[in-house]
Amino acid sequence: MSAGYVGILSIELHFPEAGSLKGKRKFVQSAKAQLQSRFGASVAEVDHHDLWQRARLAMSCSARDVSDLHALLDAAERWLHGQEWVVTGVARRIVALDD
């Protein structure tokens, strides 16, 4: 029996409407809050802190079954693509906790 799975998404975002770091912060905070509340994810801004139109977020979530985790990550990715920013890259990794 598996001990569960952890999924990690690295998401590269572009904010064409952001005109400053303060404007970018509004988008980043919104993305983080929505990912946390909608998908139960832990989210951090991990790169491009000094650029006002780019950000890289790392998102992680867990599930007891790998198919549930794939569905959760797919839904998060679809949601990200449907927002007012541009997703310029996504990398995904799934780790089995009993490895």
Protein backbone atom coordinates (compact mmCIF):
# COMPACT_ATOMS: atom_id res chain seq x y z
CA MET A 1 0.00 0.00 0.00
CA SER A 2 1.35 3.41 -0.97
CA ALA A 3 2.02 6.10 1.61
CA GLY A 4 0.78 8.78 -0.78
CA TYR A 5 2.12 11.15 -3.41
CA VAL A 6 3.30 14.73 -3.57
CA GLY A 7 2.94 16.76 -6.76
CA ILE A 8 5.00 19.84 -7.53
CA LEU A 9 4.30 22.40 -10.24
CA SER A 10 6.80 25.07 -11.20
CA ILE A 11 4.85 27.79 -12.99
CA GLU A 12 6.35 30.64 -14.97
CA LEU A 13 3.96 33.61 -15.25
CA HIS A 14 4.01 36.85 -17.26
CA PHE A 15 1.88 39.82 -16.21
CA PRO A 16 1.44 42.12 -19.24
CA GLU A 17 -0.79 44.51 -17.25
CA ALA A 18 1.68 45.01 -14.38
CA GLY A 19 3.43 48.36 -14.55
CA SER A 20 5.46 48.05 -11.36
CA LEU A 21 6.53 45.62 -8.66
CA LYS A 22 3.49 46.75 -6.67
CA GLY A 23 1.22 45.87 -9.60
CA LYS A 24 2.91 42.47 -9.96
CA ARG A 25 2.43 41.79 -6.23
CA LYS A 26 -1.35 42.10 -6.68
CA PHE A 27 -1.35 39.37 -9.35
CA VAL A 28 1.03 37.11 -7.42
CA GLN A 29 -0.94 37.38 -4.18
CA SER A 30 -4.17 36.62 -6.04
CA ALA A 31 -2.67 33.57 -7.78
CA LYS A 32 -1.23 32.21 -4.54
CA ALA A 33 -4.46 32.72 -2.58
CA GLN A 34 -6.60 31.09 -5.27
CA LEU A 35 -4.29 28.08 -5.65
CA GLN A 36 -4.31 27.63 -1.88
CA SER A 37 -8.08 27.89 -1.48
CA ARG A 38 -9.18 26.05 -4.66
CA PHE A 39 -6.65 23.20 -4.64
CA GLY A 40 -5.37 23.04 -1.06
CA ALA A 41 -1.87 23.77 -2.34
CA SER A 42 1.17 25.26 -0.68
CA VAL A 43 2.49 28.04 -2.91
CA ALA A 44 5.61 30.22 -2.89
CA GLU A 45 7.07 32.79 -5.24
CA VAL A 46 10.51 31.33 -5.94
CA ASP A 47 12.11 33.43 -8.70
CA HIS A 48 12.09 36.77 -10.57
CA HIS A 49 11.49 38.81 -7.40
CA ASP A 50 13.07 41.91 -8.96
CA LEU A 51 11.22 41.78 -12.30
CA TRP A 52 7.82 43.47 -12.45
CA GLN A 53 6.24 41.42 -15.24
CA ARG A 54 7.49 37.92 -14.40
CA ALA A 55 7.21 35.46 -11.55
CA ARG A 56 7.89 31.82 -10.92
CA LEU A 57 5.65 30.05 -8.44
CA ALA A 58 6.22 26.64 -6.91
CA MET A 59 3.05 24.82 -5.93
CA SER A 60 2.83 21.53 -4.05
CA CYS A 61 -0.07 19.33 -3.04
CA SER A 62 -0.56 15.76 -1.93
CA ALA A 63 -2.98 12.89 -2.50
CA ARG A 64 -3.20 9.26 -1.54
CA ASP A 65 -3.52 8.07 -5.12
CA VAL A 66 -1.51 9.15 -8.14
CA SER A 67 -4.55 9.50 -10.43
CA ASP A 68 -6.19 11.90 -7.95
CA LEU A 69 -2.97 13.89 -7.83
CA HIS A 70 -2.76 14.09 -11.64
CA ALA A 71 -6.37 15.33 -11.73
CA LEU A 72 -5.61 17.97 -9.08
CA LEU A 73 -2.50 19.23 -10.90
CA ASP A 74 -4.34 19.23 -14.24
CA ALA A 75 -7.15 21.32 -12.73
CA ALA A 76 -4.69 23.79 -11.22
CA GLU A 77 -2.91 24.12 -14.56
CA ARG A 78 -6.20 24.69 -16.41
CA TRP A 79 -7.20 27.33 -13.87
CA LEU A 80 -3.85 29.13 -14.25
CA HIS A 81 -4.20 29.19 -18.05
CA GLY A 82 -7.67 30.76 -17.76
CA GLN A 83 -6.60 33.85 -15.82
CA GLU A 84 -5.54 37.37 -16.77
CA TRP A 85 -1.83 36.55 -16.84
CA VAL A 86 0.11 34.48 -19.38
CA VAL A 87 1.53 31.10 -18.40
CA THR A 88 4.89 30.86 -20.15
CA GLY A 89 6.04 27.55 -18.71
CA VAL A 90 5.03 24.69 -16.44
CA ALA A 91 7.14 21.84 -15.09
CA ARG A 92 5.61 18.99 -13.11
CA ARG A 93 7.04 16.38 -10.78
CA ILE A 94 5.34 13.66 -8.77
CA VAL A 95 7.05 11.93 -5.89
CA ALA A 96 5.88 8.75 -4.16
CA LEU A 97 6.31 9.14 -0.41
CA ASP A 98 7.39 5.52 0.06
CA ASP A 99 10.36 5.86 -2.37
